[in-house]
Every structure is written in C-alpha cells, then in structure tokens.
Amino acid sequence: MTRLALFSDVHGNLPALEAVRKAIKREKPDAILIAGDHVLNGPSPVEVVDALRAMEADGALIVQGNTDIAVADGDYTAAFPWYADGGVPDAVRVAADWAGAELGDERLDWLRRLPAERRLRVHDTLVLVTHASPGSQTQGFSKDLDPSTVLQLVSRTDARLICCGHTHVPEVREFGWKVIVNDGSAGYVFDGDPTASWAVVTIEPGAAQAPADGPADGEDDEAEPEPPAASISAEIRRAEFDVLAVSNAISARGLPGDVYRAATVRTGKLVR
C-alpha cells in the first residue's frame, strides 16, 4: 500500500500551508504532491515559496500553476485566457506584480523553472500531477463540465490517477478506468468551508490471483496473465487555520481587489 498526500492552490496563505503541513506530517505519506498556484492573492508569497522549497528538498513533487506564470513571467493572457476578450483586470495585474516584486529574482527563477506536470509510478499505476488537467494549466475539471469534455481531457494522458487542483472545489471523481482527485485549495477555497482542503490518496496493489488448473482450449500455455489492477481510494481532508488573521492581513495590504480576496478567505466562497 502506498499513500500520497496532495494539495494545491496555497495562493500566498502561509497559515493555511502550515496547517496542511502539520496534518500531512501526522499522516506520514509515502509521497507529497503539490499542484501549483503557490503565491498569487495571499499576503505571504516569500514565506510560502521558502516553505515549498524546503518541502521540495525533502522530496515533494511540485508543479507550476497558471497564476505562477502571471507572477513569474507577467504573461497574463497565458495565465488567464478567459480574460482574453475583455483584458485581464487591473486588480489581477497589480496583485501579480506585487507578488513578483516581493519574491525577487532568485525565488522567481525557482517559480518559473517548475514543470507543468510531474509523473510517478506506484504499483504499476501511473500517476499524473498537474495543476488543471492533462496538458493544460488553465482548463480545469469544474463540476459543471460536460462529461464528453471530461473524457476528452482525461484521454490526454495514459495516467490512471490524475491529481490536480485549480477549481478550488475539492472532488474525487471516478471516470471509467481513470480517477481524478482534485484537492480543492490549501489557502483559497471556494466551496463555502473556510478551511484548507487537501487529499490523501491510497493505492493498493491488486490481489494476486491463484493459478488456473491449465490453459483453456486454444490458449497459449506460455501466455503471461494480466497483472491484477491496483485499487485507488481518496479522501478529502480539511485543516483549520486562523482565517481572520489572514483576511485582515490581505485587507491591510490595500491592493485593488484585496477587499474581495479577504472576503473570499474569510467565507470560503469566491467573492468578486
């Protein structure tokens, strides 16, 4: 049995990240997966990056999210393609510029060098870590997404287990042979529960099958039997943090849009 811890979308919320780290430490997983959107919106981008780099040094697998592109490279259209027609709002640009200035060149270099995806193999199960969906940092598995579109997205990878975030709404979804685990957000959740969400995923190798008495008629007695499939289960977890302290710190920063960002952290619902 292998246990994975997954979180994403910290968004510069250090107290939430610290709460998740403590919870993960108690679980003692075999690997930690961190699925992007690390610094934008929250008041503590420097401290969050330093904490994530420490986790990476201890073996955590970390990928880049779409807002990390905005902060590290200033490519707002790539980071937010849904704003292409009307232009990226000034409040988003100002917050990304502020986070980039706080981080400085060396931390920004780390942020821009993060890969878009990571993969690992567990008990013959291929696991994909991505921010939004296979091959995309911006097209997520929202709950109202058409099933045919979901099928199209999951078919972009051979991975059986897809670990992601981006929507800020936690969900575990079995889609045929594939399993999608969306941890929600460890810092900026939208589902109405103002805590940090993350996920524990358990992969158990398939039970060995007893050999048959002999090959059936017409079968090759030297054919290798198919290996039993691993079982995958996942559970969404919540970690409490000082919501009011983070909300007040965002408000005190005073950037355009911070009143809405503070309300989002305080309520656990997207306010804009």
C-alpha atoms as a PDB file:
ATOM      1  CA  MET A   1       0.000   0.000   0.000  1.00  0.00           C
ATOM      2  CA  THR A   2       1.202   3.492  -0.914  1.00  0.00           C
ATOM      3  CA  ARG A   3      -0.273   6.686   0.471  1.00  0.00           C
ATOM      4  CA  LEU A   4       0.039  10.039  -1.279  1.00  0.00           C
ATOM      5  CA  ALA A   5      -0.719  13.494   0.127  1.00  0.00           C
ATOM      6  CA  LEU A   6      -1.945  16.064  -2.388  1.00  0.00           C
ATOM      7  CA  PHE A   7      -2.537  19.788  -2.071  1.00  0.00           C
ATOM      8  CA  SER A   8      -2.532  22.837  -4.317  1.00  0.00           C
ATOM      9  CA  ASP A   9      -3.581  26.478  -4.623  1.00  0.00           C
ATOM     10  CA  VAL A  10      -1.918  27.840  -1.493  1.00  0.00           C
ATOM     11  CA  HIS A  11      -2.100  31.337  -3.031  1.00  0.00           C
ATOM     12  CA  GLY A  12       0.290  33.009  -0.618  1.00  0.00           C
ATOM     13  CA  ASN A  13      -1.598  31.859   2.503  1.00  0.00           C
ATOM     14  CA  LEU A  14       1.160  30.806   4.911  1.00  0.00           C
ATOM     15  CA  PRO A  15      -1.011  29.884   7.950  1.00  0.00           C
ATOM     16  CA  ALA A  16      -3.101  27.577   5.747  1.00  0.00           C
ATOM     17  CA  LEU A  17       0.043  25.968   4.309  1.00  0.00           C
ATOM     18  CA  GLU A  18       1.467  25.447   7.790  1.00  0.00           C
ATOM     19  CA  ALA A  19      -1.783  23.818   8.922  1.00  0.00           C
ATOM     20  CA  VAL A  20      -1.732  21.443   5.949  1.00  0.00           C
ATOM     21  CA  ARG A  21       1.936  20.595   6.511  1.00  0.00           C
ATOM     22  CA  LYS A  22       1.218  19.668  10.129  1.00  0.00           C
ATOM     23  CA  ALA A  23      -1.712  17.500   9.097  1.00  0.00           C
ATOM     24  CA  ILE A  24       0.357  15.763   6.419  1.00  0.00           C
ATOM     25  CA  LYS A  25       3.187  15.126   8.859  1.00  0.00           C
ATOM     26  CA  ARG A  26       0.766  13.259  11.119  1.00  0.00           C
ATOM     27  CA  GLU A  27      -0.351  11.074   8.205  1.00  0.00           C
ATOM     28  CA  LYS A  28       3.220  10.103   7.216  1.00  0.00           C
ATOM     29  CA  PRO A  29       2.513   9.619   3.485  1.00  0.00           C
ATOM     30  CA  ASP A  30       4.954   7.961   1.120  1.00  0.00           C
ATOM     31  CA  ALA A  31       4.994  10.988  -1.189  1.00  0.00           C
ATOM     32  CA  ILE A  32       3.729  14.575  -1.235  1.00  0.00           C
ATOM     33  CA  LEU A  33       2.326  16.107  -4.431  1.00  0.00           C
ATOM     34  CA  ILE A  34       1.839  19.886  -4.771  1.00  0.00           C
ATOM     35  CA  ALA A  35      -0.207  21.005  -7.769  1.00  0.00           C
ATOM     36  CA  GLY A  36       0.534  24.679  -8.418  1.00  0.00           C
ATOM     37  CA  ASP A  37      -0.789  28.212  -7.836  1.00  0.00           C
ATOM     38  CA  HIS A  38       1.535  28.949  -4.967  1.00  0.00           C
ATOM     39  CA  VAL A  39       1.702  32.698  -4.355  1.00  0.00           C
ATOM     40  CA  LEU A  40      -0.864  34.983  -6.022  1.00  0.00           C
ATOM     41  CA  ASN A  41      -3.544  36.719  -3.868  1.00  0.00           C
ATOM     42  CA  GLY A  42      -2.245  35.989  -0.367  1.00  0.00           C
ATOM     43  CA  PRO A  43      -0.086  38.217   1.859  1.00  0.00           C
ATOM     44  CA  SER A  44       2.921  35.886   2.308  1.00  0.00           C
ATOM     45  CA  PRO A  45       4.413  34.863  -1.072  1.00  0.00           C
ATOM     46  CA  VAL A  46       8.025  34.839   0.155  1.00  0.00           C
ATOM     47  CA  GLU A  47       7.335  32.647   3.169  1.00  0.00           C
ATOM     48  CA  VAL A  48       5.186  30.274   1.107  1.00  0.00           C
ATOM     49  CA  VAL A  49       7.861  29.806  -1.559  1.00  0.00           C
ATOM     50  CA  ASP A  50      10.527  29.190   1.091  1.00  0.00           C
ATOM     51  CA  ALA A  51       8.327  26.579   2.795  1.00  0.00           C
ATOM     52  CA  LEU A  52       7.576  24.844  -0.512  1.00  0.00           C
ATOM     53  CA  ARG A  53      11.247  24.777  -1.450  1.00  0.00           C
ATOM     54  CA  ALA A  54      12.004  23.114   1.878  1.00  0.00           C
ATOM     55  CA  MET A  55       9.368  20.504   1.119  1.00  0.00           C
ATOM     56  CA  GLU A  56      10.823  20.013  -2.355  1.00  0.00           C
ATOM     57  CA  ALA A  57      14.261  19.447  -0.832  1.00  0.00           C
ATOM     58  CA  ASP A  58      12.661  16.690   1.276  1.00  0.00           C
ATOM     59  CA  GLY A  59      11.239  15.006  -1.827  1.00  0.00           C
ATOM     60  CA  ALA A  60       7.894  16.673  -2.568  1.00  0.00           C
ATOM     61  CA  LEU A  61       6.891  16.788  -6.246  1.00  0.00           C
ATOM     62  CA  ILE A  62       5.817  20.325  -7.194  1.00  0.00           C
ATOM     63  CA  VAL A  63       4.314  21.658 -10.409  1.00  0.00           C
ATOM     64  CA  GLN A  64       3.545  25.155 -11.671  1.00  0.00           C
ATOM     65  CA  GLY A  65       0.044  26.611 -11.887  1.00  0.00           C
ATOM     66  CA  ASN A  66      -1.402  29.238 -14.184  1.00  0.00           C
ATOM     67  CA  THR A  67      -1.125  32.085 -11.672  1.00  0.00           C
ATOM     68  CA  ASP A  68       2.540  31.220 -11.176  1.00  0.00           C
ATOM     69  CA  ILE A  69       3.035  32.095 -14.852  1.00  0.00           C
ATOM     70  CA  ALA A  70       1.475  35.504 -14.225  1.00  0.00           C
ATOM     71  CA  VAL A  71       3.710  36.190 -11.223  1.00  0.00           C
ATOM     72  CA  ALA A  72       6.958  34.793 -12.616  1.00  0.00           C
ATOM     73  CA  ASP A  73       6.749  35.927 -16.231  1.00  0.00           C
ATOM     74  CA  GLY A  74       3.988  38.509 -16.471  1.00  0.00           C
ATOM     75  CA  ASP A  75       2.256  36.565 -19.242  1.00  0.00           C
ATOM     76  CA  TYR A  76      -1.246  37.400 -18.114  1.00  0.00           C
ATOM     77  CA  THR A  77      -3.019  36.197 -21.233  1.00  0.00           C
ATOM     78  CA  ALA A  78      -1.406  32.755 -20.947  1.00  0.00           C
ATOM     79  CA  ALA A  79      -2.241  32.620 -17.254  1.00  0.00           C
ATOM     80  CA  PHE A  80      -5.852  33.819 -17.657  1.00  0.00           C
ATOM     81  CA  PRO A  81      -7.085  33.005 -21.186  1.00  0.00           C
ATOM     82  CA  TRP A  82     -10.719  33.526 -20.123  1.00  0.00           C
ATOM     83  CA  TYR A  83      -9.947  37.261 -19.893  1.00  0.00           C
ATOM     84  CA  ALA A  84      -8.648  37.423 -23.484  1.00  0.00           C
ATOM     85  CA  ASP A  85     -11.599  39.332 -24.928  1.00  0.00           C
ATOM     86  CA  GLY A  86     -12.055  41.934 -22.206  1.00  0.00           C
ATOM     87  CA  GLY A  87      -8.477  42.142 -20.983  1.00  0.00           C
ATOM     88  CA  VAL A  88      -7.014  40.987 -17.677  1.00  0.00           C
ATOM     89  CA  PRO A  89      -8.396  43.146 -14.827  1.00  0.00           C
ATOM     90  CA  ASP A  90      -6.015  45.680 -13.310  1.00  0.00           C
ATOM     91  CA  ALA A  91      -6.586  44.169  -9.860  1.00  0.00           C
ATOM     92  CA  VAL A  92      -5.139  40.856 -11.080  1.00  0.00           C
ATOM     93  CA  ARG A  93      -2.137  42.508 -12.733  1.00  0.00           C
ATOM     94  CA  VAL A  94      -1.350  44.630  -9.692  1.00  0.00           C
ATOM     95  CA  ALA A  95      -1.538  41.638  -7.328  1.00  0.00           C
ATOM     96  CA  ALA A  96       0.728  39.569  -9.600  1.00  0.00           C
ATOM     97  CA  ASP A  97       3.227  42.428  -9.917  1.00  0.00           C
ATOM     98  CA  TRP A  98       3.226  42.904  -6.138  1.00  0.00           C
ATOM     99  CA  ALA A  99       3.899  39.215  -5.516  1.00  0.00           C
ATOM    100  CA  GLY A 100       6.712  39.196  -8.080  1.00  0.00           C
ATOM    101  CA  ALA A 101       8.362  42.236  -6.506  1.00  0.00           C
ATOM    102  CA  GLU A 102       8.126  40.627  -3.066  1.00  0.00           C
ATOM    103  CA  LEU A 103       9.694  37.374  -4.274  1.00  0.00           C
ATOM    104  CA  GLY A 104      12.716  38.849  -6.053  1.00  0.00           C
ATOM    105  CA  ASP A 105      14.765  37.326  -8.844  1.00  0.00           C
ATOM    106  CA  GLU A 106      16.030  34.148  -7.179  1.00  0.00           C
ATOM    107  CA  ARG A 107      12.630  32.956  -5.941  1.00  0.00           C
ATOM    108  CA  LEU A 108      11.023  33.930  -9.240  1.00  0.00           C
ATOM    109  CA  ASP A 109      13.609  31.793 -11.069  1.00  0.00           C
ATOM    110  CA  TRP A 110      12.559  28.826  -8.935  1.00  0.00           C
ATOM    111  CA  LEU A 111       8.884  29.512  -9.642  1.00  0.00           C
ATOM    112  CA  ARG A 112       9.340  29.728 -13.424  1.00  0.00           C
ATOM    113  CA  ARG A 113      11.505  26.592 -13.539  1.00  0.00           C
ATOM    114  CA  LEU A 114       8.777  24.420 -12.063  1.00  0.00           C
ATOM    115  CA  PRO A 115       7.414  21.893 -14.578  1.00  0.00           C
ATOM    116  CA  ALA A 116       3.826  21.960 -15.760  1.00  0.00           C
ATOM    117  CA  GLU A 117       3.426  18.257 -14.920  1.00  0.00           C
ATOM    118  CA  ARG A 118       5.122  15.511 -12.924  1.00  0.00           C
ATOM    119  CA  ARG A 119       4.631  11.762 -13.091  1.00  0.00           C
ATOM    120  CA  LEU A 120       5.372   8.838 -10.818  1.00  0.00           C
ATOM    121  CA  ARG A 121       4.591   5.146 -10.992  1.00  0.00           C
ATOM    122  CA  VAL A 122       3.132   3.331  -7.989  1.00  0.00           C
ATOM    123  CA  HIS A 123       2.398  -0.412  -8.126  1.00  0.00           C
ATOM    124  CA  ASP A 124       2.237  -0.235 -11.945  1.00  0.00           C
ATOM    125  CA  THR A 125      -0.197   2.681 -11.650  1.00  0.00           C
ATOM    126  CA  LEU A 126       0.884   5.818 -13.491  1.00  0.00           C
ATOM    127  CA  VAL A 127       0.121   8.971 -11.518  1.00  0.00           C
ATOM    128  CA  LEU A 128      -0.019  12.419 -13.138  1.00  0.00           C
ATOM    129  CA  VAL A 129       0.373  15.605 -11.096  1.00  0.00           C
ATOM    130  CA  THR A 130      -0.943  18.634 -12.976  1.00  0.00           C
ATOM    131  CA  HIS A 131      -2.468  21.936 -11.978  1.00  0.00           C
ATOM    132  CA  ALA A 132      -5.694  21.922 -14.000  1.00  0.00           C
ATOM    133  CA  SER A 133      -5.915  18.912 -16.345  1.00  0.00           C
ATOM    134  CA  PRO A 134      -3.603  16.798 -18.525  1.00  0.00           C
ATOM    135  CA  GLY A 135      -1.747  19.093 -20.898  1.00  0.00           C
ATOM    136  CA  SER A 136      -3.331  22.272 -19.534  1.00  0.00           C
ATOM    137  CA  GLN A 137      -2.628  24.656 -16.674  1.00  0.00           C
ATOM    138  CA  THR A 138      -5.859  26.563 -17.287  1.00  0.00           C
ATOM    139  CA  GLN A 139      -8.650  24.115 -18.237  1.00  0.00           C
ATOM    140  CA  GLY A 140      -9.811  22.514 -15.023  1.00  0.00           C
ATOM    141  CA  PHE A 141     -12.257  19.769 -14.083  1.00  0.00           C
ATOM    142  CA  SER A 142     -15.080  22.004 -12.906  1.00  0.00           C
ATOM    143  CA  LYS A 143     -18.145  20.204 -11.587  1.00  0.00           C
ATOM    144  CA  ASP A 144     -20.364  21.587 -14.359  1.00  0.00           C
ATOM    145  CA  LEU A 145     -18.029  20.448 -17.130  1.00  0.00           C
ATOM    146  CA  ASP A 146     -19.725  18.388 -19.817  1.00  0.00           C
ATOM    147  CA  PRO A 147     -18.913  14.647 -19.439  1.00  0.00           C
ATOM    148  CA  SER A 148     -17.732  14.443 -23.034  1.00  0.00           C
ATOM    149  CA  THR A 149     -15.234  17.232 -22.344  1.00  0.00           C
ATOM    150  CA  VAL A 150     -14.036  15.448 -19.210  1.00  0.00           C
ATOM    151  CA  LEU A 151     -13.493  12.316 -21.281  1.00  0.00           C
ATOM    152  CA  GLN A 152     -11.528  14.318 -23.818  1.00  0.00           C
ATOM    153  CA  LEU A 153      -9.324  15.817 -21.100  1.00  0.00           C
ATOM    154  CA  VAL A 154      -8.557  12.553 -19.302  1.00  0.00           C
ATOM    155  CA  SER A 155      -7.723  10.876 -22.633  1.00  0.00           C
ATOM    156  CA  ARG A 156      -4.736  13.214 -22.989  1.00  0.00           C
ATOM    157  CA  THR A 157      -2.721  11.044 -20.600  1.00  0.00           C
ATOM    158  CA  ASP A 158      -2.025   7.360 -20.034  1.00  0.00           C
ATOM    159  CA  ALA A 159      -2.067   8.018 -16.283  1.00  0.00           C
ATOM    160  CA  ARG A 160      -4.803   6.209 -14.424  1.00  0.00           C
ATOM    161  CA  LEU A 161      -4.686   8.624 -11.461  1.00  0.00           C
ATOM    162  CA  ILE A 162      -4.866  12.365 -12.181  1.00  0.00           C
ATOM    163  CA  CYS A 163      -4.028  14.629  -9.226  1.00  0.00           C
ATOM    164  CA  CYS A 164      -4.959  18.280  -9.688  1.00  0.00           C
ATOM    165  CA  GLY A 165      -6.433  21.466  -8.248  1.00  0.00           C
ATOM    166  CA  HIS A 166      -7.281  24.767 -10.000  1.00  0.00           C
ATOM    167  CA  THR A 167     -11.058  24.802  -9.394  1.00  0.00           C
ATOM    168  CA  HIS A 168     -10.691  25.458  -5.636  1.00  0.00           C
ATOM    169  CA  VAL A 169     -13.532  22.995  -5.059  1.00  0.00           C
ATOM    170  CA  PRO A 170     -12.464  19.569  -3.761  1.00  0.00           C
ATOM    171  CA  GLU A 171     -13.781  16.498  -5.539  1.00  0.00           C
ATOM    172  CA  VAL A 172     -12.957  12.855  -6.129  1.00  0.00           C
ATOM    173  CA  ARG A 173     -14.336  11.536  -9.403  1.00  0.00           C
ATOM    174  CA  GLU A 174     -14.102   8.098 -10.974  1.00  0.00           C
ATOM    175  CA  PHE A 175     -14.430   8.367 -14.719  1.00  0.00           C
ATOM    176  CA  GLY A 176     -14.347   4.870 -16.088  1.00  0.00           C
ATOM    177  CA  TRP A 177     -10.876   3.458 -15.595  1.00  0.00           C
ATOM    178  CA  LYS A 178      -9.474   6.857 -14.574  1.00  0.00           C
ATOM    179  CA  VAL A 179      -9.628   8.511 -11.158  1.00  0.00           C
ATOM    180  CA  ILE A 180      -9.477  12.301 -10.798  1.00  0.00           C
ATOM    181  CA  VAL A 181      -8.540  13.673  -7.381  1.00  0.00           C
ATOM    182  CA  ASN A 182      -8.985  17.430  -7.088  1.00  0.00           C
ATOM    183  CA  ASP A 183      -7.829  18.512  -3.636  1.00  0.00           C
ATOM    184  CA  GLY A 184      -9.559  21.905  -3.806  1.00  0.00           C
ATOM    185  CA  SER A 185      -7.328  24.597  -2.313  1.00  0.00           C
ATOM    186  CA  ALA A 186      -4.922  24.789   0.605  1.00  0.00           C
ATOM    187  CA  GLY A 187      -5.392  28.514   1.073  1.00  0.00           C
ATOM    188  CA  TYR A 188      -8.199  29.960  -1.059  1.00  0.00           C
ATOM    189  CA  VAL A 189     -11.081  27.521  -1.162  1.00  0.00           C
ATOM    190  CA  PHE A 190     -14.406  28.238  -2.892  1.00  0.00           C
ATOM    191  CA  ASP A 191     -16.772  25.576  -1.508  1.00  0.00           C
ATOM    192  CA  GLY A 192     -18.043  27.552   1.478  1.00  0.00           C
ATOM    193  CA  ASP A 193     -15.891  25.844   4.118  1.00  0.00           C
ATOM    194  CA  PRO A 194     -13.189  28.381   5.137  1.00  0.00           C
ATOM    195  CA  THR A 195     -10.509  25.831   5.891  1.00  0.00           C
ATOM    196  CA  ALA A 196      -7.581  24.475   3.895  1.00  0.00           C
ATOM    197  CA  SER A 197      -8.504  21.434   1.813  1.00  0.00           C
ATOM    198  CA  TRP A 198      -6.127  18.679   0.761  1.00  0.00           C
ATOM    199  CA  ALA A 199      -6.351  14.981  -0.092  1.00  0.00           C
ATOM    200  CA  VAL A 200      -4.985  11.593   0.909  1.00  0.00           C
ATOM    201  CA  VAL A 201      -4.809   9.020  -1.878  1.00  0.00           C
ATOM    202  CA  THR A 202      -4.256   5.323  -1.197  1.00  0.00           C
ATOM    203  CA  ILE A 203      -3.050   2.937  -3.897  1.00  0.00           C
ATOM    204  CA  GLU A 204      -3.144  -0.763  -3.104  1.00  0.00           C
ATOM    205  CA  PRO A 205      -1.692  -3.360  -5.457  1.00  0.00           C
ATOM    206  CA  GLY A 206      -4.177  -5.851  -6.829  1.00  0.00           C
ATOM    207  CA  ALA A 207      -4.535  -9.155  -5.041  1.00  0.00           C
ATOM    208  CA  ALA A 208      -2.581 -11.980  -6.614  1.00  0.00           C
ATOM    209  CA  GLN A 209      -4.771 -14.492  -8.426  1.00  0.00           C
ATOM    210  CA  ALA A 210      -4.493 -18.211  -7.893  1.00  0.00           C
ATOM    211  CA  PRO A 211      -3.188 -20.007 -10.984  1.00  0.00           C
ATOM    212  CA  ALA A 212      -5.735 -21.831 -13.081  1.00  0.00           C
ATOM    213  CA  ASP A 213      -5.599 -25.630 -13.450  1.00  0.00           C
ATOM    214  CA  GLY A 214      -4.447 -25.227 -17.027  1.00  0.00           C
ATOM    215  CA  PRO A 215      -4.911 -23.206 -20.181  1.00  0.00           C
ATOM    216  CA  ALA A 216      -8.307 -23.179 -21.808  1.00  0.00           C
ATOM    217  CA  ASP A 217      -8.716 -24.749 -25.241  1.00  0.00           C
ATOM    218  CA  GLY A 218      -6.936 -22.688 -27.859  1.00  0.00           C
ATOM    219  CA  GLU A 219      -4.946 -20.650 -25.313  1.00  0.00           C
ATOM    220  CA  ASP A 220      -1.178 -20.434 -25.231  1.00  0.00           C
ATOM    221  CA  ASP A 221       0.040 -22.149 -22.087  1.00  0.00           C
ATOM    222  CA  GLU A 222       3.025 -19.775 -22.055  1.00  0.00           C
ATOM    223  CA  ALA A 223       0.919 -16.580 -22.126  1.00  0.00           C
ATOM    224  CA  GLU A 224       1.521 -14.249 -19.210  1.00  0.00           C
ATOM    225  CA  PRO A 225      -1.609 -13.484 -17.155  1.00  0.00           C
ATOM    226  CA  GLU A 226      -2.672  -9.864 -16.926  1.00  0.00           C
ATOM    227  CA  PRO A 227      -1.413  -8.295 -13.683  1.00  0.00           C
ATOM    228  CA  PRO A 228      -4.221  -7.514 -11.241  1.00  0.00           C
ATOM    229  CA  ALA A 229      -5.253  -3.864 -11.217  1.00  0.00           C
ATOM    230  CA  ALA A 230      -4.390  -1.718  -8.233  1.00  0.00           C
ATOM    231  CA  SER A 231      -7.229  -0.178  -6.251  1.00  0.00           C
ATOM    232  CA  ILE A 232      -7.326   3.584  -5.748  1.00  0.00           C
ATOM    233  CA  SER A 233      -9.192   5.410  -2.998  1.00  0.00           C
ATOM    234  CA  ALA A 234      -9.054   9.049  -1.971  1.00  0.00           C
ATOM    235  CA  GLU A 235     -10.326  11.174   0.885  1.00  0.00           C
ATOM    236  CA  ILE A 236     -10.609  14.955   1.095  1.00  0.00           C
ATOM    237  CA  ARG A 237      -9.251  16.369   4.343  1.00  0.00           C
ATOM    238  CA  ARG A 238      -9.649  19.827   5.918  1.00  0.00           C
ATOM    239  CA  ALA A 239      -7.170  21.751   8.070  1.00  0.00           C
ATOM    240  CA  GLU A 240      -8.209  24.735  10.153  1.00  0.00           C
ATOM    241  CA  PHE A 241      -6.143  27.926  10.242  1.00  0.00           C
ATOM    242  CA  ASP A 242      -6.591  31.486  11.521  1.00  0.00           C
ATOM    243  CA  VAL A 243      -8.940  32.719   8.817  1.00  0.00           C
ATOM    244  CA  LEU A 244      -9.440  36.168  10.324  1.00  0.00           C
ATOM    245  CA  ALA A 245      -5.710  36.806  10.681  1.00  0.00           C
ATOM    246  CA  VAL A 246      -5.115  36.026   7.006  1.00  0.00           C
ATOM    247  CA  SER A 247      -8.171  38.005   5.924  1.00  0.00           C
ATOM    248  CA  ASN A 248      -7.027  41.020   7.946  1.00  0.00           C
ATOM    249  CA  ALA A 249      -3.502  40.781   6.530  1.00  0.00           C
ATOM    250  CA  ILE A 250      -4.887  40.859   2.990  1.00  0.00           C
ATOM    251  CA  SER A 251      -7.092  43.836   3.799  1.00  0.00           C
ATOM    252  CA  ALA A 252      -4.197  45.703   5.413  1.00  0.00           C
ATOM    253  CA  ARG A 253      -2.115  45.282   2.270  1.00  0.00           C
ATOM    254  CA  GLY A 254      -4.530  47.559   0.441  1.00  0.00           C
ATOM    255  CA  LEU A 255      -4.124  46.429  -3.165  1.00  0.00           C
ATOM    256  CA  PRO A 256      -7.015  46.789  -5.617  1.00  0.00           C
ATOM    257  CA  GLY A 257      -9.307  43.808  -5.092  1.00  0.00           C
ATOM    258  CA  ASP A 258      -7.971  42.964  -1.628  1.00  0.00           C
ATOM    259  CA  VAL A 259     -11.354  43.584  -0.015  1.00  0.00           C
ATOM    260  CA  TYR A 260     -12.744  40.762  -2.168  1.00  0.00           C
ATOM    261  CA  ARG A 261      -9.755  38.493  -1.610  1.00  0.00           C
ATOM    262  CA  ALA A 262     -10.082  38.972   2.140  1.00  0.00           C
ATOM    263  CA  ALA A 263     -13.791  38.152   1.989  1.00  0.00           C
ATOM    264  CA  THR A 264     -13.060  35.025  -0.042  1.00  0.00           C
ATOM    265  CA  VAL A 265     -10.620  33.725   2.578  1.00  0.00           C
ATOM    266  CA  ARG A 266     -12.994  34.658   5.398  1.00  0.00           C
ATOM    267  CA  THR A 267     -16.078  32.974   3.902  1.00  0.00           C
ATOM    268  CA  GLY A 268     -14.575  30.162   1.846  1.00  0.00           C
ATOM    269  CA  LYS A 269     -16.598  31.407  -1.137  1.00  0.00           C
ATOM    270  CA  LEU A 270     -15.372  33.299  -4.171  1.00  0.00           C
ATOM    271  CA  VAL A 271     -16.253  36.979  -3.667  1.00  0.00           C
ATOM    272  CA  ARG A 272     -15.673  39.456  -6.500  1.00  0.00           C
END
